Amino acid sequence: MTASQLVLEIPAWVDEVVAAFSQPLVDDEARMALTVRLSRENVARGGGPFGSTVFAEGRLLAAGVNLVLGSGFSIAHAEIVALMRAQAALGEASLNPPPLALFASTEPCCQCFGALVWAGVRRLVCGANTADAEAVGFDEGPKPEAWVRVLAQRGIVVEEGVLRADARAVLTDYLARGGRIYGKFPPSSSSGG
C-alpha cells in the first residue's frame, strides 16, 4: 500500500526560536547565528545537528531543521525543510521566486546540493564544512569535488565558513551526546545488476 498523503510536521519551537532571536538579521554573521541556534536547539530536542534559513531581499522567509529522525523521511534535511517552507510562503511565486539566500549550518550534502540548484537559490552561506560533518560520522554523499565552482557556473554564489567554529561545535556536541548517525550505507559489493 502507498501513502496518499505525506506530512512533515514542523515543531512549533522552530518559529518560537526565530521569534525570540533578538539579534537583528542584517548580515551574514547574524543570519548564521540564528541558523546555528536552530541546529543547536534541534540537537537539544533529540533531532539531527543541522539548521537552515532562507532569506529573500533581506527578509527571513523560512527556517528549518533536520527532521529525519522524527519523521522517518531520509530527505527531511534542514535545507529541504527550509526551502519547502519558503516555497509555501511564496505560494505560486515559488515557481519563479525572487533571488533566495540559503543559510545552512553545514555545507550541503549531495541531496541538498542538487535541490538548491532548482529552488531559486542565488546565494548559499555555509557554517561547518563537509569534512566537519564527516568527522563525526555523517556520509555527505557524492557531490562534485569543485562543487562551489559548479554552483558559480549556475549563478549561485557560495560563502563558506561563516561561524564555522560555532556550527562545528553543534556537530561535536551531537556526537558527544550519542546522537544517531543516519544515512550511512556501506558500498555495494555486488557486481551484477
C-alpha atoms as a PDB file:
ATOM      1  CA  MET A   1       0.000   0.000   0.000  1.00  0.00           C
ATOM      2  CA  THR A   2       1.264   3.510  -0.767  1.00  0.00           C
ATOM      3  CA  ALA A   3       0.653   6.609   1.281  1.00  0.00           C
ATOM      4  CA  SER A   4      -1.751   9.038  -0.312  1.00  0.00           C
ATOM      5  CA  GLN A   5      -0.543  11.892   1.867  1.00  0.00           C
ATOM      6  CA  LEU A   6       2.888  12.593   3.317  1.00  0.00           C
ATOM      7  CA  VAL A   7       3.229  15.070   6.164  1.00  0.00           C
ATOM      8  CA  LEU A   8       6.269  16.771   7.628  1.00  0.00           C
ATOM      9  CA  GLU A   9       5.311  18.369  10.907  1.00  0.00           C
ATOM     10  CA  ILE A  10       7.417  21.406  11.759  1.00  0.00           C
ATOM     11  CA  PRO A  11       7.845  21.650  15.525  1.00  0.00           C
ATOM     12  CA  ALA A  12       6.324  24.848  16.937  1.00  0.00           C
ATOM     13  CA  TRP A  13       9.557  25.618  18.748  1.00  0.00           C
ATOM     14  CA  VAL A  14      11.279  26.378  15.403  1.00  0.00           C
ATOM     15  CA  ASP A  15       9.227  29.524  14.890  1.00  0.00           C
ATOM     16  CA  GLU A  16       9.462  30.311  18.618  1.00  0.00           C
ATOM     17  CA  VAL A  17      13.282  30.271  18.422  1.00  0.00           C
ATOM     18  CA  VAL A  18      13.132  32.573  15.401  1.00  0.00           C
ATOM     19  CA  ALA A  19      10.730  34.960  17.163  1.00  0.00           C
ATOM     20  CA  ALA A  20      12.878  35.031  20.320  1.00  0.00           C
ATOM     21  CA  PHE A  21      16.131  35.678  18.433  1.00  0.00           C
ATOM     22  CA  SER A  22      16.989  39.224  19.467  1.00  0.00           C
ATOM     23  CA  GLN A  23      19.917  39.965  17.157  1.00  0.00           C
ATOM     24  CA  PRO A  24      18.918  41.965  14.041  1.00  0.00           C
ATOM     25  CA  LEU A  25      19.254  39.764  10.936  1.00  0.00           C
ATOM     26  CA  VAL A  26      21.160  42.359   8.937  1.00  0.00           C
ATOM     27  CA  ASP A  27      24.347  40.486   7.970  1.00  0.00           C
ATOM     28  CA  ASP A  28      25.708  37.021   7.291  1.00  0.00           C
ATOM     29  CA  GLU A  29      27.013  36.512  10.827  1.00  0.00           C
ATOM     30  CA  ALA A  30      23.662  37.312  12.443  1.00  0.00           C
ATOM     31  CA  ARG A  31      21.765  35.149   9.976  1.00  0.00           C
ATOM     32  CA  MET A  32      24.182  32.277  10.521  1.00  0.00           C
ATOM     33  CA  ALA A  33      23.951  32.754  14.297  1.00  0.00           C
ATOM     34  CA  LEU A  34      20.202  32.134  14.025  1.00  0.00           C
ATOM     35  CA  THR A  35      20.793  29.138  11.748  1.00  0.00           C
ATOM     36  CA  VAL A  36      23.304  27.610  14.172  1.00  0.00           C
ATOM     37  CA  ARG A  37      20.965  28.349  17.082  1.00  0.00           C
ATOM     38  CA  LEU A  38      18.274  26.317  15.330  1.00  0.00           C
ATOM     39  CA  SER A  39      20.668  23.398  14.816  1.00  0.00           C
ATOM     40  CA  ARG A  40      21.745  23.523  18.471  1.00  0.00           C
ATOM     41  CA  GLU A  41      18.126  23.575  19.659  1.00  0.00           C
ATOM     42  CA  ASN A  42      17.299  20.650  17.364  1.00  0.00           C
ATOM     43  CA  VAL A  43      20.059  18.586  18.977  1.00  0.00           C
ATOM     44  CA  ALA A  44      18.811  19.526  22.459  1.00  0.00           C
ATOM     45  CA  ARG A  45      15.361  18.272  21.438  1.00  0.00           C
ATOM     46  CA  GLY A  46      16.577  14.942  20.038  1.00  0.00           C
ATOM     47  CA  GLY A  47      16.927  15.888  16.365  1.00  0.00           C
ATOM     48  CA  GLY A  48      19.830  15.954  13.955  1.00  0.00           C
ATOM     49  CA  PRO A  49      22.534  18.644  14.189  1.00  0.00           C
ATOM     50  CA  PHE A  50      21.519  20.762  11.209  1.00  0.00           C
ATOM     51  CA  GLY A  51      19.596  24.004  10.705  1.00  0.00           C
ATOM     52  CA  SER A  52      18.799  26.200   7.742  1.00  0.00           C
ATOM     53  CA  THR A  53      17.180  29.545   6.950  1.00  0.00           C
ATOM     54  CA  VAL A  54      16.009  31.170   3.724  1.00  0.00           C
ATOM     55  CA  PHE A  55      16.055  34.906   3.027  1.00  0.00           C
ATOM     56  CA  ALA A  56      14.618  36.921   0.134  1.00  0.00           C
ATOM     57  CA  GLU A  57      15.525  40.549  -0.352  1.00  0.00           C
ATOM     58  CA  GLY A  58      16.973  40.665   3.159  1.00  0.00           C
ATOM     59  CA  ARG A  59      13.807  39.309   4.781  1.00  0.00           C
ATOM     60  CA  LEU A  60      13.609  35.959   6.576  1.00  0.00           C
ATOM     61  CA  LEU A  61      11.170  33.758   4.657  1.00  0.00           C
ATOM     62  CA  ALA A  62      11.559  30.447   6.440  1.00  0.00           C
ATOM     63  CA  ALA A  63      13.524  28.404   8.930  1.00  0.00           C
ATOM     64  CA  GLY A  64      14.014  24.669   9.019  1.00  0.00           C
ATOM     65  CA  VAL A  65      15.766  21.982  10.994  1.00  0.00           C
ATOM     66  CA  ASN A  66      16.689  18.435  10.208  1.00  0.00           C
ATOM     67  CA  LEU A  67      13.595  16.267  10.726  1.00  0.00           C
ATOM     68  CA  VAL A  68      14.994  12.917   9.584  1.00  0.00           C
ATOM     69  CA  LEU A  69      14.878  11.219  12.978  1.00  0.00           C
ATOM     70  CA  GLY A  70      11.422  12.456  13.946  1.00  0.00           C
ATOM     71  CA  SER A  71       9.751  11.956  10.575  1.00  0.00           C
ATOM     72  CA  GLY A  72      11.451   8.833   9.269  1.00  0.00           C
ATOM     73  CA  PHE A  73      11.961  10.588   5.913  1.00  0.00           C
ATOM     74  CA  SER A  74      15.578  10.406   4.783  1.00  0.00           C
ATOM     75  CA  ILE A  75      15.107  13.534   2.665  1.00  0.00           C
ATOM     76  CA  ALA A  76      13.882  15.721   5.547  1.00  0.00           C
ATOM     77  CA  HIS A  77      17.156  17.648   5.761  1.00  0.00           C
ATOM     78  CA  ALA A  78      17.190  21.162   7.195  1.00  0.00           C
ATOM     79  CA  GLU A  79      17.808  22.783   3.801  1.00  0.00           C
ATOM     80  CA  ILE A  80      14.958  20.868   2.183  1.00  0.00           C
ATOM     81  CA  VAL A  81      12.586  21.745   5.032  1.00  0.00           C
ATOM     82  CA  ALA A  82      13.548  25.438   4.921  1.00  0.00           C
ATOM     83  CA  LEU A  83      13.200  25.574   1.126  1.00  0.00           C
ATOM     84  CA  MET A  84       9.807  23.848   1.244  1.00  0.00           C
ATOM     85  CA  ARG A  85       8.619  26.311   3.881  1.00  0.00           C
ATOM     86  CA  ALA A  86       9.912  29.243   1.829  1.00  0.00           C
ATOM     87  CA  GLN A  87       8.140  27.941  -1.258  1.00  0.00           C
ATOM     88  CA  ALA A  88       4.915  27.568   0.725  1.00  0.00           C
ATOM     89  CA  ALA A  89       5.296  31.156   1.976  1.00  0.00           C
ATOM     90  CA  LEU A  90       5.799  32.366  -1.586  1.00  0.00           C
ATOM     91  CA  GLY A  91       2.773  30.430  -2.872  1.00  0.00           C
ATOM     92  CA  GLU A  92       2.606  30.314  -6.652  1.00  0.00           C
ATOM     93  CA  ALA A  93       5.537  32.712  -6.819  1.00  0.00           C
ATOM     94  CA  SER A  94       7.722  29.778  -5.734  1.00  0.00           C
ATOM     95  CA  LEU A  95       7.774  28.690  -9.372  1.00  0.00           C
ATOM     96  CA  ASN A  96       9.557  31.951 -10.217  1.00  0.00           C
ATOM     97  CA  PRO A  97      10.923  33.117  -6.850  1.00  0.00           C
ATOM     98  CA  PRO A  98      12.882  36.233  -6.054  1.00  0.00           C
ATOM     99  CA  PRO A  99      16.603  35.503  -5.606  1.00  0.00           C
ATOM    100  CA  LEU A 100      16.894  33.438  -2.435  1.00  0.00           C
ATOM    101  CA  ALA A 101      19.758  33.226   0.042  1.00  0.00           C
ATOM    102  CA  LEU A 102      20.030  29.869   1.797  1.00  0.00           C
ATOM    103  CA  PHE A 103      21.939  29.679   5.073  1.00  0.00           C
ATOM    104  CA  ALA A 104      22.999  26.190   6.141  1.00  0.00           C
ATOM    105  CA  SER A 105      24.699  25.303   9.412  1.00  0.00           C
ATOM    106  CA  THR A 106      26.778  22.789   7.423  1.00  0.00           C
ATOM    107  CA  GLU A 107      27.697  22.654   3.745  1.00  0.00           C
ATOM    108  CA  PRO A 108      25.063  20.829   1.702  1.00  0.00           C
ATOM    109  CA  CYS A 109      25.167  17.074   1.241  1.00  0.00           C
ATOM    110  CA  CYS A 110      24.712  15.688  -2.268  1.00  0.00           C
ATOM    111  CA  GLN A 111      20.904  15.728  -1.945  1.00  0.00           C
ATOM    112  CA  CYS A 112      20.669  19.329  -0.763  1.00  0.00           C
ATOM    113  CA  PHE A 113      23.296  20.402  -3.304  1.00  0.00           C
ATOM    114  CA  GLY A 114      21.039  19.102  -6.072  1.00  0.00           C
ATOM    115  CA  ALA A 115      17.876  20.593  -4.594  1.00  0.00           C
ATOM    116  CA  LEU A 116      19.140  24.136  -4.269  1.00  0.00           C
ATOM    117  CA  VAL A 117      20.011  24.315  -7.970  1.00  0.00           C
ATOM    118  CA  TRP A 118      16.301  24.376  -8.920  1.00  0.00           C
ATOM    119  CA  ALA A 119      14.915  26.195  -5.876  1.00  0.00           C
ATOM    120  CA  GLY A 120      15.804  29.760  -6.864  1.00  0.00           C
ATOM    121  CA  VAL A 121      18.807  29.967  -4.545  1.00  0.00           C
ATOM    122  CA  ARG A 122      21.301  32.553  -5.789  1.00  0.00           C
ATOM    123  CA  ARG A 123      23.422  32.686  -2.664  1.00  0.00           C
ATOM    124  CA  LEU A 124      24.452  29.887  -0.315  1.00  0.00           C
ATOM    125  CA  VAL A 125      26.095  30.665   3.025  1.00  0.00           C
ATOM    126  CA  CYS A 126      27.586  27.744   4.963  1.00  0.00           C
ATOM    127  CA  GLY A 127      28.886  27.296   8.513  1.00  0.00           C
ATOM    128  CA  ALA A 128      30.632  23.961   9.109  1.00  0.00           C
ATOM    129  CA  ASN A 129      32.131  22.170   6.145  1.00  0.00           C
ATOM    130  CA  THR A 130      31.719  18.695   4.713  1.00  0.00           C
ATOM    131  CA  ALA A 131      34.845  17.417   6.484  1.00  0.00           C
ATOM    132  CA  ASP A 132      33.388  18.577   9.821  1.00  0.00           C
ATOM    133  CA  ALA A 133      30.187  16.572   9.223  1.00  0.00           C
ATOM    134  CA  GLU A 134      32.105  13.527   8.043  1.00  0.00           C
ATOM    135  CA  ALA A 135      34.448  13.746  11.057  1.00  0.00           C
ATOM    136  CA  VAL A 136      31.507  12.939  13.346  1.00  0.00           C
ATOM    137  CA  GLY A 137      30.361  10.108  11.089  1.00  0.00           C
ATOM    138  CA  PHE A 138      27.855  11.545   8.593  1.00  0.00           C
ATOM    139  CA  ASP A 139      28.105  10.457   4.962  1.00  0.00           C
ATOM    140  CA  GLU A 140      27.586  13.588   2.866  1.00  0.00           C
ATOM    141  CA  GLY A 141      27.391  11.562  -0.349  1.00  0.00           C
ATOM    142  CA  PRO A 142      28.870  12.178  -3.750  1.00  0.00           C
ATOM    143  CA  LYS A 143      28.902  15.759  -4.920  1.00  0.00           C
ATOM    144  CA  PRO A 144      31.356  17.350  -7.332  1.00  0.00           C
ATOM    145  CA  GLU A 145      34.799  17.959  -5.857  1.00  0.00           C
ATOM    146  CA  ALA A 146      34.670  21.521  -7.195  1.00  0.00           C
ATOM    147  CA  TRP A 147      31.067  21.981  -6.039  1.00  0.00           C
ATOM    148  CA  VAL A 148      31.491  25.701  -5.312  1.00  0.00           C
ATOM    149  CA  ARG A 149      32.645  26.311  -8.875  1.00  0.00           C
ATOM    150  CA  VAL A 150      29.802  24.152 -10.247  1.00  0.00           C
ATOM    151  CA  LEU A 151      27.302  26.321  -8.375  1.00  0.00           C
ATOM    152  CA  ALA A 152      29.039  29.501  -9.543  1.00  0.00           C
ATOM    153  CA  GLN A 153      28.615  28.317 -13.117  1.00  0.00           C
ATOM    154  CA  ARG A 154      24.864  28.199 -12.390  1.00  0.00           C
ATOM    155  CA  GLY A 155      24.827  31.698 -10.939  1.00  0.00           C
ATOM    156  CA  ILE A 156      24.910  30.679  -7.270  1.00  0.00           C
ATOM    157  CA  VAL A 157      27.439  32.469  -5.069  1.00  0.00           C
ATOM    158  CA  VAL A 158      28.817  30.459  -2.135  1.00  0.00           C
ATOM    159  CA  GLU A 159      30.225  31.844   1.115  1.00  0.00           C
ATOM    160  CA  GLU A 160      31.981  29.219   3.215  1.00  0.00           C
ATOM    161  CA  GLY A 161      32.997  29.046   6.863  1.00  0.00           C
ATOM    162  CA  VAL A 162      30.695  31.695   8.365  1.00  0.00           C
ATOM    163  CA  LEU A 163      30.709  30.987  12.134  1.00  0.00           C
ATOM    164  CA  ARG A 164      32.303  27.622  11.321  1.00  0.00           C
ATOM    165  CA  ALA A 165      33.572  27.038  14.864  1.00  0.00           C
ATOM    166  CA  ASP A 166      30.063  27.515  16.290  1.00  0.00           C
ATOM    167  CA  ALA A 167      28.482  25.247  13.682  1.00  0.00           C
ATOM    168  CA  ARG A 168      31.184  22.591  14.118  1.00  0.00           C
ATOM    169  CA  ALA A 169      30.621  22.697  17.900  1.00  0.00           C
ATOM    170  CA  VAL A 170      26.995  21.624  17.341  1.00  0.00           C
ATOM    171  CA  LEU A 171      28.192  18.605  15.350  1.00  0.00           C
ATOM    172  CA  THR A 172      30.710  17.558  18.018  1.00  0.00           C
ATOM    173  CA  ASP A 173      28.106  18.073  20.757  1.00  0.00           C
ATOM    174  CA  TYR A 174      25.712  15.836  18.846  1.00  0.00           C
ATOM    175  CA  LEU A 175      28.367  13.108  18.706  1.00  0.00           C
ATOM    176  CA  ALA A 176      29.231  13.554  22.404  1.00  0.00           C
ATOM    177  CA  ARG A 177      25.538  13.143  23.303  1.00  0.00           C
ATOM    178  CA  GLY A 178      25.465   9.838  21.427  1.00  0.00           C
ATOM    179  CA  GLY A 179      23.409  11.248  18.551  1.00  0.00           C
ATOM    180  CA  ARG A 180      22.402   8.718  15.940  1.00  0.00           C
ATOM    181  CA  ILE A 181      24.388   8.803  12.695  1.00  0.00           C
ATOM    182  CA  TYR A 182      21.894   8.029   9.959  1.00  0.00           C
ATOM    183  CA  GLY A 183      22.008   7.710   6.196  1.00  0.00           C
ATOM    184  CA  LYS A 184      25.319   5.891   6.112  1.00  0.00           C
ATOM    185  CA  PHE A 185      25.335   2.811   3.925  1.00  0.00           C
ATOM    186  CA  PRO A 186      28.286   0.578   3.102  1.00  0.00           C
ATOM    187  CA  PRO A 187      29.294   0.473  -0.551  1.00  0.00           C
ATOM    188  CA  SER A 188      27.658  -2.331  -2.510  1.00  0.00           C
ATOM    189  CA  SER A 189      29.943  -5.254  -3.176  1.00  0.00           C
ATOM    190  CA  SER A 190      27.692  -6.816  -5.805  1.00  0.00           C
ATOM    191  CA  SER A 191      28.970  -6.726  -9.353  1.00  0.00           C
ATOM    192  CA  GLY A 192      25.781  -7.604 -11.199  1.00  0.00           C
ATOM    193  CA  GLY A 193      22.570  -5.817 -11.817  1.00  0.00           C
END
